[in-house]
């Protein structure tokens, strides 16, 4: 299995390491040609505005949207979740806009308000997942085809799935816990079946 990692900006190197640890083959995606032959794609955390502009500059935005339309499985973490969202509250920036979620950028404040929260994610088992939130977004609304996978203790959603699309407001690549990456790998396998 080859899992692409969008490598334009942000925490892509940590996702590459996680994909290696899964036993899959990572591929850094920087150009449209790099999409050929990948089984899934991770869109990492970073700066969503910058990543969106770089998607346009590299010519990746259209081909990536088309690949997702053709069934490519995608996992967006933090900024990646923002890029997957159809609605980010009217802010003007390039988006993939393929997931029926409304996301609020920097929902918890600035860098100083970053935090870690142990999350109950039933699809990952009983052991809580170490969610690391850095200038994190928040899912404010979901469409009818979206399943919420994780919530903060106050009930606000922070991870969701819509068919072949997976999104989390937190950074699993900054932990040693591979369960979110394994869940994405299983989603790719499910789509291939």
Protein backbone atom coordinates (compact mmCIF):
# COMPACT_ATOMS: atom_id res chain seq x y z
CA UNK A 1 0.00 0.00 0.00
CA UNK A 2 1.27 3.47 -0.91
CA UNK A 3 0.00 6.35 1.19
CA UNK A 4 0.73 9.83 -0.05
CA UNK A 5 1.46 12.67 2.36
CA UNK A 6 0.89 16.19 1.06
CA UNK A 7 4.35 17.67 1.57
CA UNK A 8 3.91 21.37 0.84
CA UNK A 9 4.03 22.75 4.39
CA UNK A 10 3.33 21.65 7.95
CA UNK A 11 3.89 18.39 9.82
CA UNK A 12 4.25 16.13 6.79
CA UNK A 13 7.56 14.57 7.93
CA UNK A 14 5.92 13.19 11.09
CA UNK A 15 3.14 11.61 9.00
CA UNK A 16 5.76 10.04 6.70
CA UNK A 17 7.34 8.40 9.78
CA UNK A 18 3.92 7.17 10.96
CA UNK A 19 3.15 5.66 7.53
CA UNK A 20 6.53 3.86 7.61
CA UNK A 21 5.69 2.52 11.07
CA UNK A 22 2.38 1.16 9.69
CA UNK A 23 4.36 -0.90 7.20
CA UNK A 24 2.99 1.07 4.25
CA UNK A 25 5.03 2.93 1.64
CA UNK A 26 4.87 6.72 2.09
CA UNK A 27 5.13 9.09 -0.85
CA UNK A 28 5.65 12.83 -0.44
CA UNK A 29 3.16 14.57 -2.73
CA UNK A 30 4.25 17.95 -4.10
CA UNK A 31 3.09 17.83 -7.74
CA UNK A 32 0.08 16.39 -9.60
CA UNK A 33 2.23 13.53 -10.97
CA UNK A 34 2.87 12.36 -7.39
CA UNK A 35 -0.83 11.44 -7.05
CA UNK A 36 -0.41 8.60 -9.58
CA UNK A 37 -0.65 5.19 -7.94
CA UNK A 38 -1.27 6.26 -4.35
CA UNK A 39 -3.94 4.39 -2.38
CA UNK A 40 -4.73 7.23 0.02
CA UNK A 41 -3.51 10.70 0.99
CA UNK A 42 -2.86 12.45 4.29
CA UNK A 43 -3.24 16.24 4.36
CA UNK A 44 -1.20 17.34 7.41
CA UNK A 45 -1.51 20.05 9.98
CA UNK A 46 0.23 23.33 9.32
CA UNK A 47 -1.12 26.64 8.05
CA UNK A 48 -4.28 26.02 6.03
CA UNK A 49 -4.10 29.31 4.12
CA UNK A 50 -0.50 28.63 3.07
CA UNK A 51 -1.21 25.01 2.11
CA UNK A 52 -4.26 26.14 0.09
CA UNK A 53 -2.21 28.74 -1.79
CA UNK A 54 0.52 26.17 -2.48
CA UNK A 55 -2.11 23.71 -3.80
CA UNK A 56 -3.02 26.38 -6.34
CA UNK A 57 0.61 27.31 -7.18
CA UNK A 58 1.70 23.70 -7.70
CA UNK A 59 -1.36 22.89 -9.82
CA UNK A 60 -2.46 20.24 -7.30
CA UNK A 61 -5.85 21.67 -6.28
CA UNK A 62 -7.85 20.55 -9.34
CA UNK A 63 -6.20 17.13 -9.79
CA UNK A 64 -6.55 16.39 -6.08
CA UNK A 65 -10.25 17.31 -6.10
CA UNK A 66 -10.70 15.07 -9.16
CA UNK A 67 -8.86 12.17 -7.46
CA UNK A 68 -11.07 12.52 -4.38
CA UNK A 69 -14.11 12.55 -6.66
CA UNK A 70 -12.82 9.31 -8.20
CA UNK A 71 -12.63 7.66 -4.77
CA UNK A 72 -9.23 8.56 -3.28
CA UNK A 73 -9.32 8.15 0.51
CA UNK A 74 -8.06 11.25 2.33
CA UNK A 75 -7.25 11.95 5.99
CA UNK A 76 -6.96 15.62 6.98
CA UNK A 77 -5.44 16.52 10.35
CA UNK A 78 -5.85 20.01 11.85
CA UNK A 79 -5.16 22.31 8.85
CA UNK A 80 -5.95 19.30 6.66
CA UNK A 81 -9.41 19.15 8.23
CA UNK A 82 -9.93 22.82 7.37
CA UNK A 83 -8.91 22.16 3.75
CA UNK A 84 -11.34 19.22 3.47
CA UNK A 85 -14.30 21.25 4.84
CA UNK A 86 -17.00 22.67 2.57
CA UNK A 87 -17.54 25.63 4.89
CA UNK A 88 -15.05 27.55 7.06
CA UNK A 89 -17.35 30.39 8.03
CA UNK A 90 -17.04 32.42 4.86
CA UNK A 91 -13.28 32.95 5.05
CA UNK A 92 -11.68 33.41 1.64
CA UNK A 93 -8.97 30.81 1.04
CA UNK A 94 -8.47 27.90 -1.39
CA UNK A 95 -10.11 24.70 -0.10
CA UNK A 96 -10.63 21.18 -1.35
CA UNK A 97 -14.19 21.62 -0.05
CA UNK A 98 -15.13 17.93 -0.32
CA UNK A 99 -16.36 17.05 3.19
CA UNK A 100 -19.79 18.12 4.43
CA UNK A 101 -18.55 19.80 7.61
CA UNK A 102 -18.42 23.37 8.85
CA UNK A 103 -15.14 24.14 10.57
CA UNK A 104 -14.01 27.11 12.63
CA UNK A 105 -10.31 27.88 12.35
CA UNK A 106 -8.26 28.51 15.53
CA UNK A 107 -11.34 27.66 17.60
CA UNK A 108 -9.40 27.42 20.85
CA UNK A 109 -7.30 30.54 20.47
CA UNK A 110 -3.64 31.18 19.83
CA UNK A 111 -0.58 28.93 20.19
CA UNK A 112 -0.53 29.49 23.97
CA UNK A 113 -3.99 27.91 24.23
CA UNK A 114 -2.77 24.64 22.69
CA UNK A 115 -3.62 21.60 24.84
CA UNK A 116 -3.74 17.83 25.08
CA UNK A 117 -6.93 15.89 25.81
CA UNK A 118 -7.45 12.17 26.24
CA UNK A 119 -10.27 11.36 23.83
CA UNK A 120 -12.73 8.50 23.86
CA UNK A 121 -12.86 7.24 20.26
CA UNK A 122 -14.97 4.05 20.27
CA UNK A 123 -13.82 2.99 16.78
CA UNK A 124 -10.23 2.84 18.13
CA UNK A 125 -11.03 0.73 21.20
CA UNK A 126 -11.41 1.43 24.91
CA UNK A 127 -8.06 3.09 25.57
CA UNK A 128 -8.37 6.90 25.29
CA UNK A 129 -6.45 8.52 22.43
CA UNK A 130 -3.92 11.30 23.21
CA UNK A 131 -5.34 14.22 21.22
CA UNK A 132 -2.84 17.04 20.73
CA UNK A 133 -4.54 20.32 19.78
CA UNK A 134 -2.30 23.11 18.41
CA UNK A 135 -4.15 26.25 17.24
CA UNK A 136 -6.79 23.69 16.47
CA UNK A 137 -9.97 24.00 14.44
CA UNK A 138 -13.35 22.70 15.60
CA UNK A 139 -16.19 21.01 13.75
CA UNK A 140 -19.21 23.27 14.22
CA UNK A 141 -21.72 21.37 12.05
CA UNK A 142 -21.92 18.14 10.06
CA UNK A 143 -24.03 17.10 7.10
CA UNK A 144 -26.24 14.00 7.01
CA UNK A 145 -23.53 11.69 5.59
CA UNK A 146 -20.96 12.56 8.27
CA UNK A 147 -20.30 10.36 11.32
CA UNK A 148 -18.75 12.03 14.36
CA UNK A 149 -15.95 9.82 15.72
CA UNK A 150 -14.67 11.85 18.68
CA UNK A 151 -15.83 14.65 20.93
CA UNK A 152 -14.23 16.74 23.63
CA UNK A 153 -15.59 16.17 27.15
CA UNK A 154 -17.94 19.17 26.60
CA UNK A 155 -19.46 17.41 23.57
CA UNK A 156 -17.88 19.44 20.76
CA UNK A 157 -16.88 17.23 17.77
CA UNK A 158 -13.18 16.95 16.92
CA UNK A 159 -13.03 13.97 14.49
CA UNK A 160 -15.38 12.77 11.77
CA UNK A 161 -15.71 10.45 8.82
CA UNK A 162 -17.68 10.81 5.60
CA UNK A 163 -17.31 7.75 3.40
CA UNK A 164 -13.67 7.72 2.25
CA UNK A 165 -12.85 11.00 4.03
CA UNK A 166 -11.48 11.23 7.57
CA UNK A 167 -10.75 14.41 9.52
CA UNK A 168 -9.42 15.25 12.96
CA UNK A 169 -8.78 18.58 14.69
CA UNK A 170 -5.86 17.02 16.57
CA UNK A 171 -2.38 15.82 15.53
CA UNK A 172 -2.00 12.02 15.79
CA UNK A 173 1.38 12.23 14.05
CA UNK A 174 2.83 13.97 17.13
CA UNK A 175 2.13 10.91 19.32
CA UNK A 176 3.46 7.35 19.35
CA UNK A 177 -0.13 6.06 19.05
CA UNK A 178 -0.75 4.77 15.51
CA UNK A 179 -4.45 3.97 15.94
CA UNK A 180 -5.77 6.92 13.89
CA UNK A 181 -3.31 6.10 11.10
CA UNK A 182 -4.31 2.41 11.30
CA UNK A 183 -7.98 3.43 11.11
CA UNK A 184 -7.20 5.41 7.94
CA UNK A 185 -5.28 2.43 6.53
CA UNK A 186 -8.32 0.21 7.20
CA UNK A 187 -10.52 2.82 5.48
CA UNK A 188 -8.27 2.60 2.40
CA UNK A 189 -8.49 -1.21 2.46
CA UNK A 190 -12.29 -1.00 2.83
CA UNK A 191 -12.53 1.29 -0.19
CA UNK A 192 -10.33 -1.02 -2.26
CA UNK A 193 -12.52 -4.06 -1.47
